[in-house]
Amino acid sequence: MSYYQIDINPSSINPGYSEYNEEELAEIARAIELSKREQEDSDYIRRFVSDRNNLVPILSQLPGVKPDDPRFEKFYTQQ
């Protein structure tokens, strides 16, 4: 997945051309960075869970969970 590079450094923006002050622009920049990190974390988890070789050893350690259960097989064959 690729991300667009967004430069919202408040010091690089001419305040005369913005309806937002520096504090608001800084908050917007923080929100964008947080969103980007959350997306990266989500992508990592999605890749990890979708790889059966990663997940089966962990599931095997949980009490009452059987990775060879047909429900898990159905999950992996649908992807």
PDB file of N, CA and C in Angstrom:
ATOM      1  N   MET A   1       0.852  -1.168   0.000  1.00  0.00           N
ATOM      2  CA  MET A   1       0.000   0.000   0.000  1.00  0.00           C
ATOM      3  C   MET A   1       0.895   1.227   0.000  1.00  0.00           C
ATOM      4  N   SER A   2       0.566   2.190  -0.776  1.00  0.00           N
ATOM      5  CA  SER A   2       1.362   3.401  -0.821  1.00  0.00           C
ATOM      6  C   SER A   2       0.602   4.542  -0.155  1.00  0.00           C
ATOM      7  N   TYR A   3       1.360   5.464   0.361  1.00  0.00           N
ATOM      8  CA  TYR A   3       0.793   6.629   1.017  1.00  0.00           C
ATOM      9  C   TYR A   3       1.206   7.880   0.270  1.00  0.00           C
ATOM     10  N   TYR A   4       0.336   8.849   0.258  1.00  0.00           N
ATOM     11  CA  TYR A   4       0.683  10.136  -0.317  1.00  0.00           C
ATOM     12  C   TYR A   4       1.500  10.911   0.702  1.00  0.00           C
ATOM     13  N   GLN A   5       2.529  11.569   0.240  1.00  0.00           N
ATOM     14  CA  GLN A   5       3.325  12.403   1.127  1.00  0.00           C
ATOM     15  C   GLN A   5       2.600  13.729   1.306  1.00  0.00           C
ATOM     16  N   ILE A   6       2.260  14.047   2.528  1.00  0.00           N
ATOM     17  CA  ILE A   6       1.557  15.290   2.814  1.00  0.00           C
ATOM     18  C   ILE A   6       2.437  16.126   3.732  1.00  0.00           C
ATOM     19  N   ASP A   7       2.779  17.309   3.294  1.00  0.00           N
ATOM     20  CA  ASP A   7       3.589  18.211   4.111  1.00  0.00           C
ATOM     21  C   ASP A   7       2.673  19.265   4.703  1.00  0.00           C
ATOM     22  N   ILE A   8       2.376  19.101   5.983  1.00  0.00           N
ATOM     23  CA  ILE A   8       1.542  20.082   6.662  1.00  0.00           C
ATOM     24  C   ILE A   8       2.345  20.677   7.810  1.00  0.00           C
ATOM     25  N   ASN A   9       3.552  21.019   7.544  1.00  0.00           N
ATOM     26  CA  ASN A   9       4.381  21.673   8.542  1.00  0.00           C
ATOM     27  C   ASN A   9       3.887  23.109   8.667  1.00  0.00           C
ATOM     28  N   PRO A  10       3.315  23.475   9.828  1.00  0.00           N
ATOM     29  CA  PRO A  10       2.733  24.809   9.962  1.00  0.00           C
ATOM     30  C   PRO A  10       3.704  25.940   9.638  1.00  0.00           C
ATOM     31  N   SER A  11       4.978  25.740   9.892  1.00  0.00           N
ATOM     32  CA  SER A  11       5.932  26.814   9.627  1.00  0.00           C
ATOM     33  C   SER A  11       6.153  27.024   8.135  1.00  0.00           C
ATOM     34  N   SER A  12       5.773  26.042   7.302  1.00  0.00           N
ATOM     35  CA  SER A  12       5.983  26.186   5.863  1.00  0.00           C
ATOM     36  C   SER A  12       4.760  26.760   5.145  1.00  0.00           C
ATOM     37  N   ILE A  13       3.715  27.036   5.893  1.00  0.00           N
ATOM     38  CA  ILE A  13       2.485  27.548   5.295  1.00  0.00           C
ATOM     39  C   ILE A  13       2.360  29.038   5.602  1.00  0.00           C
ATOM     40  N   ASN A  14       2.029  29.796   4.596  1.00  0.00           N
ATOM     41  CA  ASN A  14       1.826  31.230   4.777  1.00  0.00           C
ATOM     42  C   ASN A  14       0.489  31.427   5.482  1.00  0.00           C
ATOM     43  N   PRO A  15       0.490  31.962   6.714  1.00  0.00           N
ATOM     44  CA  PRO A  15      -0.761  32.103   7.464  1.00  0.00           C
ATOM     45  C   PRO A  15      -1.801  32.957   6.745  1.00  0.00           C
ATOM     46  N   GLY A  16      -1.383  33.821   5.851  1.00  0.00           N
ATOM     47  CA  GLY A  16      -2.321  34.662   5.123  1.00  0.00           C
ATOM     48  C   GLY A  16      -3.182  33.878   4.156  1.00  0.00           C
ATOM     49  N   TYR A  17      -2.788  32.657   3.817  1.00  0.00           N
ATOM     50  CA  TYR A  17      -3.531  31.844   2.851  1.00  0.00           C
ATOM     51  C   TYR A  17      -4.251  30.673   3.508  1.00  0.00           C
ATOM     52  N   SER A  18      -4.322  30.653   4.809  1.00  0.00           N
ATOM     53  CA  SER A  18      -4.944  29.526   5.495  1.00  0.00           C
ATOM     54  C   SER A  18      -6.056  30.017   6.404  1.00  0.00           C
ATOM     55  N   GLU A  19      -7.134  29.246   6.442  1.00  0.00           N
ATOM     56  CA  GLU A  19      -8.208  29.593   7.361  1.00  0.00           C
ATOM     57  C   GLU A  19      -7.945  29.010   8.748  1.00  0.00           C
ATOM     58  N   TYR A  20      -6.853  28.249   8.894  1.00  0.00           N
ATOM     59  CA  TYR A  20      -6.496  27.630  10.162  1.00  0.00           C
ATOM     60  C   TYR A  20      -5.261  28.305  10.738  1.00  0.00           C
ATOM     61  N   ASN A  21      -5.196  28.367  12.070  1.00  0.00           N
ATOM     62  CA  ASN A  21      -3.987  28.900  12.692  1.00  0.00           C
ATOM     63  C   ASN A  21      -2.963  27.778  12.855  1.00  0.00           C
ATOM     64  N   GLU A  22      -1.773  28.124  13.296  1.00  0.00           N
ATOM     65  CA  GLU A  22      -0.688  27.128  13.394  1.00  0.00           C
ATOM     66  C   GLU A  22      -1.046  25.984  14.327  1.00  0.00           C
ATOM     67  N   GLU A  23      -1.718  26.288  15.419  1.00  0.00           N
ATOM     68  CA  GLU A  23      -2.093  25.242  16.375  1.00  0.00           C
ATOM     69  C   GLU A  23      -3.071  24.248  15.731  1.00  0.00           C
ATOM     70  N   GLU A  24      -4.029  24.749  14.979  1.00  0.00           N
ATOM     71  CA  GLU A  24      -4.986  23.874  14.306  1.00  0.00           C
ATOM     72  C   GLU A  24      -4.303  23.039  13.225  1.00  0.00           C
ATOM     73  N   LEU A  25      -3.386  23.645  12.499  1.00  0.00           N
ATOM     74  CA  LEU A  25      -2.655  22.899  11.471  1.00  0.00           C
ATOM     75  C   LEU A  25      -1.791  21.812  12.094  1.00  0.00           C
ATOM     76  N   ALA A  26      -1.183  22.112  13.234  1.00  0.00           N
ATOM     77  CA  ALA A  26      -0.371  21.111  13.926  1.00  0.00           C
ATOM     78  C   ALA A  26      -1.250  19.948  14.382  1.00  0.00           C
ATOM     79  N   GLU A  27      -2.450  20.250  14.854  1.00  0.00           N
ATOM     80  CA  GLU A  27      -3.379  19.199  15.282  1.00  0.00           C
ATOM     81  C   GLU A  27      -3.811  18.335  14.092  1.00  0.00           C
ATOM     82  N   ILE A  28      -4.054  18.958  12.955  1.00  0.00           N
ATOM     83  CA  ILE A  28      -4.402  18.215  11.739  1.00  0.00           C
ATOM     84  C   ILE A  28      -3.248  17.301  11.339  1.00  0.00           C
ATOM     85  N   ALA A  29      -2.024  17.813  11.410  1.00  0.00           N
ATOM     86  CA  ALA A  29      -0.847  17.010  11.062  1.00  0.00           C
ATOM     87  C   ALA A  29      -0.716  15.816  12.001  1.00  0.00           C
ATOM     88  N   ARG A  30      -0.949  16.023  13.313  1.00  0.00           N
ATOM     89  CA  ARG A  30      -0.886  14.913  14.278  1.00  0.00           C
ATOM     90  C   ARG A  30      -1.962  13.872  13.962  1.00  0.00           C
ATOM     91  N   ALA A  31      -3.154  14.326  13.611  1.00  0.00           N
ATOM     92  CA  ALA A  31      -4.244  13.396  13.287  1.00  0.00           C
ATOM     93  C   ALA A  31      -3.908  12.570  12.049  1.00  0.00           C
ATOM     94  N   ILE A  32      -3.297  13.197  11.057  1.00  0.00           N
ATOM     95  CA  ILE A  32      -2.908  12.470   9.841  1.00  0.00           C
ATOM     96  C   ILE A  32      -1.841  11.436  10.161  1.00  0.00           C
ATOM     97  N   GLU A  33      -0.855  11.797  10.968  1.00  0.00           N
ATOM     98  CA  GLU A  33       0.195  10.848  11.353  1.00  0.00           C
ATOM     99  C   GLU A  33      -0.387   9.681  12.140  1.00  0.00           C
ATOM    100  N   LEU A  34      -1.293   9.969  13.060  1.00  0.00           N
ATOM    101  CA  LEU A  34      -1.930   8.909  13.840  1.00  0.00           C
ATOM    102  C   LEU A  34      -2.719   7.972  12.930  1.00  0.00           C
ATOM    103  N   SER A  35      -3.452   8.534  12.003  1.00  0.00           N
ATOM    104  CA  SER A  35      -4.221   7.728  11.059  1.00  0.00           C
ATOM    105  C   SER A  35      -3.299   6.848  10.219  1.00  0.00           C
ATOM    106  N   LYS A  36      -2.189   7.407   9.797  1.00  0.00           N
ATOM    107  CA  LYS A  36      -1.215   6.648   8.996  1.00  0.00           C
ATOM    108  C   LYS A  36      -0.654   5.475   9.805  1.00  0.00           C
ATOM    109  N   ARG A  37      -0.299   5.719  11.078  1.00  0.00           N
ATOM    110  CA  ARG A  37       0.228   4.634  11.926  1.00  0.00           C
ATOM    111  C   ARG A  37      -0.836   3.567  12.163  1.00  0.00           C
ATOM    112  N   GLU A  38      -2.079   3.991  12.391  1.00  0.00           N
ATOM    113  CA  GLU A  38      -3.156   3.021  12.591  1.00  0.00           C
ATOM    114  C   GLU A  38      -3.356   2.162  11.348  1.00  0.00           C
ATOM    115  N   GLN A  39      -3.262   2.752  10.176  1.00  0.00           N
ATOM    116  CA  GLN A  39      -3.407   1.997   8.929  1.00  0.00           C
ATOM    117  C   GLN A  39      -2.265   1.000   8.769  1.00  0.00           C
ATOM    118  N   GLU A  40      -1.037   1.430   9.103  1.00  0.00           N
ATOM    119  CA  GLU A  40       0.116   0.525   9.019  1.00  0.00           C
ATOM    120  C   GLU A  40      -0.059  -0.644   9.979  1.00  0.00           C
ATOM    121  N   ASP A  41      -0.522  -0.360  11.219  1.00  0.00           N
ATOM    122  CA  ASP A  41      -0.759  -1.426  12.195  1.00  0.00           C
ATOM    123  C   ASP A  41      -1.844  -2.382  11.703  1.00  0.00           C
ATOM    124  N   SER A  42      -2.895  -1.836  11.157  1.00  0.00           N
ATOM    125  CA  SER A  42      -3.990  -2.650  10.628  1.00  0.00           C
ATOM    126  C   SER A  42      -3.508  -3.548   9.491  1.00  0.00           C
ATOM    127  N   ASP A  43      -2.701  -2.995   8.605  1.00  0.00           N
ATOM    128  CA  ASP A  43      -2.153  -3.781   7.492  1.00  0.00           C
ATOM    129  C   ASP A  43      -1.270  -4.912   8.007  1.00  0.00           C
ATOM    130  N   TYR A  44      -0.452  -4.622   9.038  1.00  0.00           N
ATOM    131  CA  TYR A  44       0.431  -5.639   9.614  1.00  0.00           C
ATOM    132  C   TYR A  44      -0.406  -6.784  10.208  1.00  0.00           C
ATOM    133  N   ILE A  45      -1.424  -6.435  10.982  1.00  0.00           N
ATOM    134  CA  ILE A  45      -2.276  -7.455  11.603  1.00  0.00           C
ATOM    135  C   ILE A  45      -2.991  -8.277  10.533  1.00  0.00           C
ATOM    136  N   ARG A  46      -3.500  -7.609   9.516  1.00  0.00           N
ATOM    137  CA  ARG A  46      -4.198  -8.314   8.431  1.00  0.00           C
ATOM    138  C   ARG A  46      -3.259  -9.313   7.747  1.00  0.00           C
ATOM    139  N   ARG A  47      -2.025  -8.883   7.465  1.00  0.00           N
ATOM    140  CA  ARG A  47      -1.062  -9.799   6.828  1.00  0.00           C
ATOM    141  C   ARG A  47      -0.736 -10.972   7.753  1.00  0.00           C
ATOM    142  N   PHE A  48      -0.556 -10.697   9.042  1.00  0.00           N
ATOM    143  CA  PHE A  48      -0.211 -11.739   9.996  1.00  0.00           C
ATOM    144  C   PHE A  48      -1.328 -12.773  10.098  1.00  0.00           C
ATOM    145  N   VAL A  49      -2.551 -12.307  10.268  1.00  0.00           N
ATOM    146  CA  VAL A  49      -3.689 -13.210  10.450  1.00  0.00           C
ATOM    147  C   VAL A  49      -3.980 -13.999   9.182  1.00  0.00           C
ATOM    148  N   SER A  50      -3.752 -13.392   8.030  1.00  0.00           N
ATOM    149  CA  SER A  50      -4.072 -14.089   6.784  1.00  0.00           C
ATOM    150  C   SER A  50      -3.030 -15.141   6.414  1.00  0.00           C
ATOM    151  N   ASP A  51      -1.904 -15.169   7.109  1.00  0.00           N
ATOM    152  CA  ASP A  51      -0.879 -16.184   6.857  1.00  0.00           C
ATOM    153  C   ASP A  51      -1.036 -17.300   7.883  1.00  0.00           C
ATOM    154  N   ARG A  52      -1.556 -18.397   7.437  1.00  0.00           N
ATOM    155  CA  ARG A  52      -1.834 -19.530   8.328  1.00  0.00           C
ATOM    156  C   ARG A  52      -0.589 -19.971   9.100  1.00  0.00           C
ATOM    157  N   ASN A  53       0.570 -19.921   8.472  1.00  0.00           N
ATOM    158  CA  ASN A  53       1.805 -20.347   9.137  1.00  0.00           C
ATOM    159  C   ASN A  53       2.145 -19.475  10.336  1.00  0.00           C
ATOM    160  N   ASN A  54       1.716 -18.233  10.330  1.00  0.00           N
ATOM    161  CA  ASN A  54       1.937 -17.355  11.482  1.00  0.00           C
ATOM    162  C   ASN A  54       0.957 -17.650  12.601  1.00  0.00           C
ATOM    163  N   LEU A  55      -0.274 -17.900  12.246  1.00  0.00           N
ATOM    164  CA  LEU A  55      -1.339 -17.964  13.234  1.00  0.00           C
ATOM    165  C   LEU A  55      -1.495 -19.328  13.905  1.00  0.00           C
ATOM    166  N   VAL A  56      -1.296 -20.414  13.188  1.00  0.00           N
ATOM    167  CA  VAL A  56      -1.536 -21.753  13.739  1.00  0.00           C
ATOM    168  C   VAL A  56      -0.708 -22.031  15.000  1.00  0.00           C
ATOM    169  N   PRO A  57       0.593 -21.726  15.039  1.00  0.00           N
ATOM    170  CA  PRO A  57       1.344 -21.997  16.268  1.00  0.00           C
ATOM    171  C   PRO A  57       0.806 -21.234  17.484  1.00  0.00           C
ATOM    172  N   ILE A  58       0.319 -20.045  17.261  1.00  0.00           N
ATOM    173  CA  ILE A  58      -0.231 -19.262  18.370  1.00  0.00           C
ATOM    174  C   ILE A  58      -1.575 -19.834  18.798  1.00  0.00           C
ATOM    175  N   LEU A  59      -2.426 -20.148  17.840  1.00  0.00           N
ATOM    176  CA  LEU A  59      -3.734 -20.717  18.169  1.00  0.00           C
ATOM    177  C   LEU A  59      -3.591 -22.050  18.889  1.00  0.00           C
ATOM    178  N   SER A  60      -2.577 -22.820  18.547  1.00  0.00           N
ATOM    179  CA  SER A  60      -2.359 -24.134  19.164  1.00  0.00           C
ATOM    180  C   SER A  60      -2.086 -24.022  20.656  1.00  0.00           C
ATOM    181  N   GLN A  61      -1.596 -22.885  21.096  1.00  0.00           N
ATOM    182  CA  GLN A  61      -1.269 -22.693  22.509  1.00  0.00           C
ATOM    183  C   GLN A  61      -2.479 -22.281  23.346  1.00  0.00           C
ATOM    184  N   LEU A  62      -3.563 -21.893  22.701  1.00  0.00           N
ATOM    185  CA  LEU A  62      -4.743 -21.444  23.432  1.00  0.00           C
ATOM    186  C   LEU A  62      -5.605 -22.633  23.833  1.00  0.00           C
ATOM    187  N   PRO A  63      -6.056 -22.655  25.100  1.00  0.00           N
ATOM    188  CA  PRO A  63      -6.886 -23.775  25.541  1.00  0.00           C
ATOM    189  C   PRO A  63      -8.215 -23.809  24.786  1.00  0.00           C
ATOM    190  N   GLY A  64      -8.581 -24.993  24.337  1.00  0.00           N
ATOM    191  CA  GLY A  64      -9.858 -25.182  23.669  1.00  0.00           C
ATOM    192  C   GLY A  64      -9.896 -24.760  22.209  1.00  0.00           C
ATOM    193  N   VAL A  65      -8.778 -24.281  21.680  1.00  0.00           N
ATOM    194  CA  VAL A  65      -8.748 -23.860  20.278  1.00  0.00           C
ATOM    195  C   VAL A  65      -8.027 -24.922  19.467  1.00  0.00           C
ATOM    196  N   LYS A  66      -8.663 -25.349  18.406  1.00  0.00           N
ATOM    197  CA  LYS A  66      -8.072 -26.371  17.541  1.00  0.00           C
ATOM    198  C   LYS A  66      -7.900 -25.776  16.146  1.00  0.00           C
ATOM    199  N   PRO A  67      -6.668 -25.451  15.757  1.00  0.00           N
ATOM    200  CA  PRO A  67      -6.442 -24.846  14.445  1.00  0.00           C
ATOM    201  C   PRO A  67      -6.865 -25.725  13.276  1.00  0.00           C
ATOM    202  N   ASP A  68      -7.018 -27.034  13.493  1.00  0.00           N
ATOM    203  CA  ASP A  68      -7.464 -27.899  12.398  1.00  0.00           C
ATOM    204  C   ASP A  68      -8.991 -27.984  12.329  1.00  0.00           C
ATOM    205  N   ASP A  69      -9.670 -27.198  13.148  1.00  0.00           N
ATOM    206  CA  ASP A  69     -11.131 -27.116  13.128  1.00  0.00           C
ATOM    207  C   ASP A  69     -11.594 -26.660  11.739  1.00  0.00           C
ATOM    208  N   PRO A  70     -12.645 -27.258  11.208  1.00  0.00           N
ATOM    209  CA  PRO A  70     -13.135 -26.887   9.870  1.00  0.00           C
ATOM    210  C   PRO A  70     -13.468 -25.398   9.721  1.00  0.00           C
ATOM    211  N   ARG A  71     -13.821 -24.736  10.825  1.00  0.00           N
ATOM    212  CA  ARG A  71     -14.124 -23.299  10.729  1.00  0.00           C
ATOM    213  C   ARG A  71     -12.882 -22.503  10.353  1.00  0.00           C
ATOM    214  N   PHE A  72     -11.724 -22.902  10.878  1.00  0.00           N
ATOM    215  CA  PHE A  72     -10.480 -22.228  10.504  1.00  0.00           C
ATOM    216  C   PHE A  72     -10.137 -22.529   9.052  1.00  0.00           C
ATOM    217  N   GLU A  73     -10.359 -23.766   8.668  1.00  0.00           N
ATOM    218  CA  GLU A  73     -10.092 -24.146   7.276  1.00  0.00           C
ATOM    219  C   GLU A  73     -10.948 -23.308   6.329  1.00  0.00           C
ATOM    220  N   LYS A  74     -12.203 -23.133   6.686  1.00  0.00           N
ATOM    221  CA  LYS A  74     -13.104 -22.325   5.865  1.00  0.00           C
ATOM    222  C   LYS A  74     -12.593 -20.882   5.775  1.00  0.00           C
ATOM    223  N   PHE A  75     -12.105 -20.350   6.890  1.00  0.00           N
ATOM    224  CA  PHE A  75     -11.570 -18.982   6.900  1.00  0.00           C
ATOM    225  C   PHE A  75     -10.415 -18.843   5.913  1.00  0.00           C
ATOM    226  N   TYR A  76      -9.502 -19.797   5.937  1.00  0.00           N
ATOM    227  CA  TYR A  76      -8.319 -19.686   5.077  1.00  0.00           C
ATOM    228  C   TYR A  76      -8.609 -20.007   3.615  1.00  0.00           C
ATOM    229  N   THR A  77      -9.604 -20.814   3.348  1.00  0.00           N
ATOM    230  CA  THR A  77      -9.904 -21.117   1.950  1.00  0.00           C
ATOM    231  C   THR A  77     -10.733 -20.016   1.295  1.00  0.00           C
ATOM    232  N   GLN A  78     -11.363 -19.157   2.074  1.00  0.00           N
ATOM    233  CA  GLN A  78     -12.148 -18.049   1.519  1.00  0.00           C
ATOM    234  C   GLN A  78     -11.273 -16.879   1.099  1.00  0.00           C
ATOM    235  N   GLN A  79     -10.042 -16.851   1.535  1.00  0.00           N
ATOM    236  CA  GLN A  79      -9.194 -15.687   1.250  1.00  0.00           C
ATOM    237  C   GLN A  79      -8.509 -15.788  -0.065  1.00  0.00           C
TER     238      GLN A  79
END
